[in-house]
Amino acid sequence: MVELQNVSVTYSGGVDALNNVSLKINDGDFAFVVGSSGAGKSTMIKLLLKEIDATSGVVTVNGYNLSKLKKRKIPEFRRTLGFVFQDFRLIPSMTVYENIAFVLRVLDAPLKYIRKRVPYVISLVGLHAKTNSYPDELSGGEKQRVAIARALVNDPQLIIADEPTGNIDPELSYEIVELLKGINDQGTTILMVTHEHDLVRHFGGRIINITNGEIVYDEIVTGTNAEVLPEVELAQAMENAARPRPEYAMPDETGEGAAPYVDDVIAAITSTAAEQGGAEE
């Protein structure tokens, strides 16, 4: 569950990024967050990831009161989350398998679990044939599918997708949202930030509009085409994913080509990012 209670964020210089915001997203919900640039969407994401603290109010995510969360507990909290970057943040020197497995390696997951879980999520996003491909061999839509699989691999309670369709072809955007909808149908809470109103109108659902740091609209609407990933198709994908796969050897080192994305991925999973001053871009 995500809950903001009378939350305000004021950056240095007196800029109010969020103003007395109250919001509740229940477990299993799918919600779109929309708003223009500078409206407060990025500030909300930073709050939910515990990258910044609220100036006032209470922020609760997955049972953690972030307003009182100690620094040493942040890695534990972030393991309950999955995050999808707008620009993918795939590590160029790693294959699809290695990019996804890297998350579990950071969390010291057993090798046996990694070898079982990673092929499973790769199949769920429809990329088994690309398992050994490198990022520069993938299309934009395929890269975002890898990013979604990486967010899903640790079986998080909540996935936050920040403009996940922003860097892919428009016709592929619907495919990515359908994939997220299918994941949501299996019980994972999804919070998707987007500026693509056509997508929102098409899929419908819960729409949260932030303007000038305030929630001005929060309603459930009917989409123009409310179809989600068909249950039979998702069931088939899960059946395929459950089939035995060959074990893949993981490299001992990340390789020199990994920077700068390694730090970004690790930070999204474990460490505390530096607080950002000033208003969001």
Protein backbone atom coordinates (compact mmCIF):
# COMPACT_ATOMS: atom_id res chain seq x y z
CA MET A 1 0.00 0.00 0.00
CA VAL A 2 1.07 3.58 -0.70
CA GLU A 3 -0.29 6.37 1.46
CA LEU A 4 0.55 10.06 1.63
CA GLN A 5 -1.03 11.99 4.48
CA ASN A 6 -0.95 15.79 4.20
CA VAL A 7 2.46 15.66 2.53
CA SER A 8 4.31 18.80 1.49
CA VAL A 9 7.78 19.16 -0.01
CA THR A 10 9.53 22.52 -0.11
CA TYR A 11 12.91 22.70 -1.82
CA SER A 12 15.67 25.13 -0.96
CA GLY A 13 14.76 28.59 -2.16
CA GLY A 14 11.20 28.16 -0.96
CA VAL A 15 9.90 26.27 -4.00
CA ASP A 16 6.83 24.21 -3.08
CA ALA A 17 6.97 20.97 -5.12
CA LEU A 18 4.09 19.26 -3.30
CA ASN A 19 1.45 21.04 -1.24
CA ASN A 20 -0.56 19.15 1.40
CA VAL A 21 -1.04 16.04 -0.77
CA SER A 22 -3.08 13.10 0.53
CA LEU A 23 -3.28 9.91 -1.51
CA LYS A 24 -3.92 6.22 -0.92
CA ILE A 25 -3.14 3.40 -3.37
CA ASN A 26 -4.21 -0.02 -2.17
CA ASP A 27 -2.39 -3.30 -2.71
CA GLY A 28 -3.12 -4.65 -6.18
CA ASP A 29 -4.12 -1.28 -7.67
CA PHE A 30 -2.99 0.06 -11.05
CA ALA A 31 -2.83 3.83 -11.16
CA PHE A 32 -1.69 6.33 -13.77
CA VAL A 33 -0.09 9.55 -12.48
CA VAL A 34 -0.29 12.36 -15.01
CA GLY A 35 0.68 16.00 -15.02
CA SER A 36 2.77 18.52 -16.92
CA SER A 37 6.51 18.97 -16.47
CA GLY A 38 7.24 20.49 -13.09
CA ALA A 39 3.84 19.54 -11.67
CA GLY A 40 5.31 17.42 -8.88
CA LYS A 41 5.38 13.90 -10.38
CA SER A 42 9.15 13.45 -10.02
CA THR A 43 9.06 14.73 -6.47
CA MET A 44 6.41 12.15 -5.61
CA ILE A 45 8.56 9.37 -7.07
CA LYS A 46 11.58 10.53 -5.06
CA LEU A 47 9.46 10.46 -1.93
CA LEU A 48 8.25 6.92 -2.61
CA LEU A 49 11.82 5.73 -3.22
CA LYS A 50 13.04 7.48 -0.05
CA GLU A 51 15.43 9.62 -2.10
CA ILE A 52 14.10 12.73 -0.39
CA ASP A 53 12.10 13.35 2.76
CA ALA A 54 8.83 15.18 3.08
CA THR A 55 8.98 18.63 4.62
CA SER A 56 5.79 17.75 6.47
CA GLY A 57 3.26 14.92 6.53
CA VAL A 58 3.57 11.13 6.55
CA VAL A 59 4.63 8.84 3.68
CA THR A 60 3.92 5.09 4.03
CA VAL A 61 4.96 2.53 1.41
CA ASN A 62 4.56 -1.25 1.74
CA GLY A 63 4.15 -0.96 5.49
CA TYR A 64 7.20 1.28 6.01
CA ASN A 65 6.73 4.74 7.49
CA LEU A 66 9.29 6.58 5.38
CA SER A 67 9.06 9.65 7.57
CA LYS A 68 10.64 7.63 10.40
CA LEU A 69 12.67 5.09 8.41
CA LYS A 70 16.29 4.88 9.54
CA LYS A 71 19.05 4.99 6.95
CA ARG A 72 20.16 1.42 7.69
CA LYS A 73 16.64 0.19 6.90
CA ILE A 74 16.44 1.79 3.45
CA PRO A 75 17.98 -1.20 1.57
CA GLU A 76 15.47 -3.54 3.22
CA PHE A 77 12.62 -1.23 2.23
CA ARG A 78 13.77 -0.89 -1.38
CA ARG A 79 13.78 -4.65 -1.80
CA THR A 80 9.98 -4.44 -1.69
CA LEU A 81 10.01 -2.20 -4.79
CA GLY A 82 10.69 -2.52 -8.48
CA PHE A 83 11.57 0.55 -10.56
CA VAL A 84 11.35 0.99 -14.34
CA PHE A 85 13.49 3.81 -15.74
CA GLN A 86 12.36 5.88 -18.70
CA ASP A 87 15.74 5.44 -20.40
CA PHE A 88 16.02 1.72 -19.57
CA ARG A 89 19.38 1.97 -17.71
CA LEU A 90 20.54 -1.38 -19.05
CA ILE A 91 24.20 -2.21 -18.54
CA PRO A 92 25.74 -2.29 -22.06
CA SER A 93 28.32 -4.98 -21.32
CA MET A 94 25.73 -7.43 -19.95
CA THR A 95 23.29 -9.67 -21.79
CA VAL A 96 19.55 -9.64 -21.13
CA TYR A 97 20.01 -12.50 -18.66
CA GLU A 98 22.91 -10.79 -16.89
CA ASN A 99 21.13 -7.43 -16.63
CA ILE A 100 18.18 -9.03 -14.88
CA ALA A 101 20.27 -11.37 -12.73
CA PHE A 102 22.41 -8.44 -11.60
CA VAL A 103 19.58 -7.23 -9.35
CA LEU A 104 19.50 -10.54 -7.51
CA ARG A 105 23.28 -10.66 -7.28
CA VAL A 106 23.28 -7.25 -5.60
CA LEU A 107 20.81 -8.66 -3.08
CA ASP A 108 22.98 -11.77 -2.51
CA ALA A 109 20.30 -14.15 -3.74
CA PRO A 110 21.37 -17.82 -3.96
CA LEU A 111 22.72 -18.81 -7.37
CA LYS A 112 20.21 -21.65 -7.61
CA TYR A 113 17.35 -19.17 -7.17
CA ILE A 114 18.83 -16.78 -9.74
CA ARG A 115 19.09 -19.54 -12.34
CA LYS A 116 15.44 -20.40 -11.80
CA ARG A 117 13.90 -16.96 -11.36
CA VAL A 118 15.64 -15.05 -14.18
CA PRO A 119 14.56 -17.32 -17.09
CA TYR A 120 11.05 -17.28 -15.62
CA VAL A 121 10.67 -13.50 -15.77
CA ILE A 122 12.40 -13.33 -19.15
CA SER A 123 9.73 -15.65 -20.52
CA LEU A 124 6.97 -13.65 -18.84
CA VAL A 125 7.96 -10.56 -20.81
CA GLY A 126 8.29 -12.58 -24.02
CA LEU A 127 12.05 -12.32 -24.51
CA HIS A 128 13.31 -15.88 -24.11
CA ALA A 129 14.77 -15.76 -27.62
CA LYS A 130 16.78 -12.67 -26.63
CA THR A 131 18.23 -14.13 -23.43
CA ASN A 132 21.85 -13.90 -24.61
CA SER A 133 21.48 -10.65 -26.57
CA TYR A 134 23.15 -7.40 -25.55
CA PRO A 135 21.26 -4.09 -25.20
CA ASP A 136 22.58 -2.70 -28.48
CA GLU A 137 21.04 -5.69 -30.24
CA LEU A 138 17.54 -4.91 -28.94
CA SER A 139 14.80 -2.59 -30.13
CA GLY A 140 13.47 0.13 -27.83
CA GLY A 141 10.42 -1.94 -26.94
CA GLU A 142 12.59 -4.97 -26.16
CA LYS A 143 14.86 -2.88 -23.94
CA GLN A 144 11.87 -1.68 -21.96
CA ARG A 145 10.67 -5.26 -21.58
CA VAL A 146 14.06 -6.11 -20.10
CA ALA A 147 13.73 -3.15 -17.75
CA ILE A 148 10.31 -4.40 -16.65
CA ALA A 149 11.66 -7.93 -16.12
CA ARG A 150 14.48 -6.48 -14.02
CA ALA A 151 11.93 -4.60 -11.90
CA LEU A 152 9.87 -7.78 -11.52
CA VAL A 153 12.65 -10.26 -10.80
CA ASN A 154 12.75 -9.65 -7.04
CA ASP A 155 8.97 -10.24 -6.81
CA PRO A 156 8.25 -6.73 -5.49
CA GLN A 157 5.00 -5.65 -3.89
CA LEU A 158 5.05 -2.41 -5.88
CA ILE A 159 6.46 -1.45 -9.28
CA ILE A 160 6.94 2.24 -10.04
CA ALA A 161 7.26 2.91 -13.76
CA ASP A 162 8.57 6.38 -14.60
CA GLU A 163 7.51 7.30 -18.15
CA PRO A 164 8.14 3.71 -19.34
CA THR A 165 6.88 4.51 -22.84
CA GLY A 166 8.75 7.80 -23.22
CA ASN A 167 11.65 6.44 -25.30
CA ILE A 168 9.92 3.89 -27.51
CA ASP A 169 7.81 4.05 -30.66
CA PRO A 170 4.20 5.10 -30.03
CA GLU A 171 2.77 1.87 -31.41
CA LEU A 172 4.84 -0.10 -28.88
CA SER A 173 3.61 1.98 -25.96
CA TYR A 174 0.31 0.12 -25.82
CA GLU A 175 2.17 -3.20 -25.74
CA ILE A 176 4.24 -2.08 -22.74
CA VAL A 177 1.17 -0.93 -20.81
CA GLU A 178 -0.60 -4.20 -21.61
CA LEU A 179 2.39 -6.04 -20.17
CA LEU A 180 2.23 -3.95 -17.00
CA LYS A 181 -1.52 -4.57 -16.81
CA GLY A 182 -0.90 -8.31 -17.08
CA ILE A 183 1.63 -8.13 -14.23
CA ASN A 184 -0.88 -6.15 -12.20
CA ASP A 185 -3.49 -8.86 -12.81
CA GLN A 186 -1.19 -11.24 -10.92
CA GLY A 187 -1.34 -9.02 -7.82
CA THR A 188 1.55 -6.58 -8.15
CA THR A 189 0.68 -2.95 -7.46
CA ILE A 190 1.64 -0.69 -10.38
CA LEU A 191 2.14 3.07 -10.26
CA MET A 192 2.83 4.43 -13.75
CA VAL A 193 3.86 8.02 -14.33
CA THR A 194 3.14 9.25 -17.85
CA HIS A 195 2.44 12.32 -19.91
CA GLU A 196 0.86 10.30 -22.74
CA HIS A 197 -2.83 11.10 -22.39
CA ASP A 198 -3.76 8.90 -25.36
CA LEU A 199 -2.55 5.87 -23.42
CA VAL A 200 -4.50 6.90 -20.36
CA ARG A 201 -7.69 7.42 -22.38
CA HIS A 202 -7.22 4.08 -24.11
CA PHE A 203 -6.72 1.94 -21.00
CA GLY A 204 -8.65 3.93 -18.43
CA GLY A 205 -8.55 2.93 -14.79
CA ARG A 206 -7.48 5.10 -11.90
CA ILE A 207 -6.15 8.47 -13.03
CA ILE A 208 -4.30 10.78 -10.62
CA ASN A 209 -3.60 14.26 -12.00
CA ILE A 210 -1.00 16.45 -10.27
CA THR A 211 -0.96 20.17 -11.06
CA ASN A 212 1.24 22.73 -9.31
CA GLY A 213 2.06 20.28 -6.55
CA GLU A 214 -1.54 19.37 -5.78
CA ILE A 215 -3.80 16.46 -6.72
CA VAL A 216 -6.57 18.05 -8.74
CA TYR A 217 -8.16 14.84 -10.04
CA ASP A 218 -8.31 11.27 -8.72
CA GLU A 219 -10.98 9.12 -10.34
CA ILE A 220 -11.53 5.76 -12.01
CA VAL A 221 -12.54 6.14 -15.63
CA THR A 222 -13.53 3.71 -18.38
CA GLY A 223 -11.01 3.40 -21.17
CA THR A 224 -11.86 3.62 -24.85
CA ASN A 225 -10.52 0.08 -25.14
CA ALA A 226 -10.39 -1.57 -21.74
CA GLU A 227 -8.75 -4.77 -22.97
CA VAL A 228 -5.82 -6.06 -20.91
CA LEU A 229 -3.44 -8.90 -21.58
CA PRO A 230 -5.77 -11.89 -22.09
CA GLU A 231 -5.70 -14.32 -19.17
CA VAL A 232 -5.13 -17.27 -21.47
CA GLU A 233 -2.12 -15.56 -23.05
CA LEU A 234 -0.62 -14.71 -19.66
CA ALA A 235 -1.28 -18.23 -18.40
CA GLN A 236 0.52 -19.64 -21.45
CA ALA A 237 3.46 -17.33 -20.81
CA MET A 238 3.67 -18.51 -17.21
CA GLU A 239 3.47 -22.14 -18.31
CA ASN A 240 6.29 -21.59 -20.79
CA ALA A 241 8.31 -19.80 -18.13
CA ALA A 242 7.94 -22.74 -15.75
CA ARG A 243 9.55 -25.17 -18.16
CA PRO A 244 13.13 -26.18 -17.34
CA ARG A 245 15.74 -23.91 -18.87
CA PRO A 246 19.46 -24.43 -19.30
CA GLU A 247 21.53 -22.97 -16.50
CA TYR A 248 23.40 -19.82 -17.42
CA ALA A 249 26.79 -19.01 -16.00
CA MET A 250 27.13 -15.55 -14.54
CA PRO A 251 30.35 -13.59 -15.06
CA ASP A 252 32.37 -12.84 -11.93
CA GLU A 253 32.90 -9.21 -12.92
CA THR A 254 30.58 -6.61 -14.37
CA GLY A 255 33.16 -5.42 -16.90
CA GLU A 256 34.47 -1.96 -17.63
CA GLY A 257 31.59 -1.14 -19.96
CA ALA A 258 29.07 -1.31 -17.13
CA ALA A 259 29.46 2.25 -15.88
CA PRO A 260 27.54 4.49 -15.37
CA TYR A 261 24.40 2.37 -15.17
CA VAL A 262 25.61 -0.05 -12.49
CA ASP A 263 25.46 2.63 -9.81
CA ASP A 264 22.00 3.74 -10.97
CA VAL A 265 20.60 0.23 -10.75
CA ILE A 266 22.18 -0.47 -7.37
CA ALA A 267 20.92 2.86 -6.03
CA ALA A 268 17.39 2.07 -7.15
CA ILE A 269 17.54 -1.20 -5.23
CA THR A 270 19.57 -0.47 -2.14
CA SER A 271 21.39 2.72 -1.37
CA THR A 272 20.24 6.22 -0.53
CA ALA A 273 20.47 8.64 -3.44
CA ALA A 274 21.71 12.15 -2.71
CA GLU A 275 19.00 14.67 -2.02
CA GLN A 276 18.27 16.99 -4.90
CA GLY A 277 17.96 20.71 -4.35
CA GLY A 278 15.73 23.07 -6.30
CA ALA A 279 12.56 22.44 -8.23
CA GLU A 280 12.17 19.41 -10.44
CA GLU A 281 12.74 19.76 -14.13
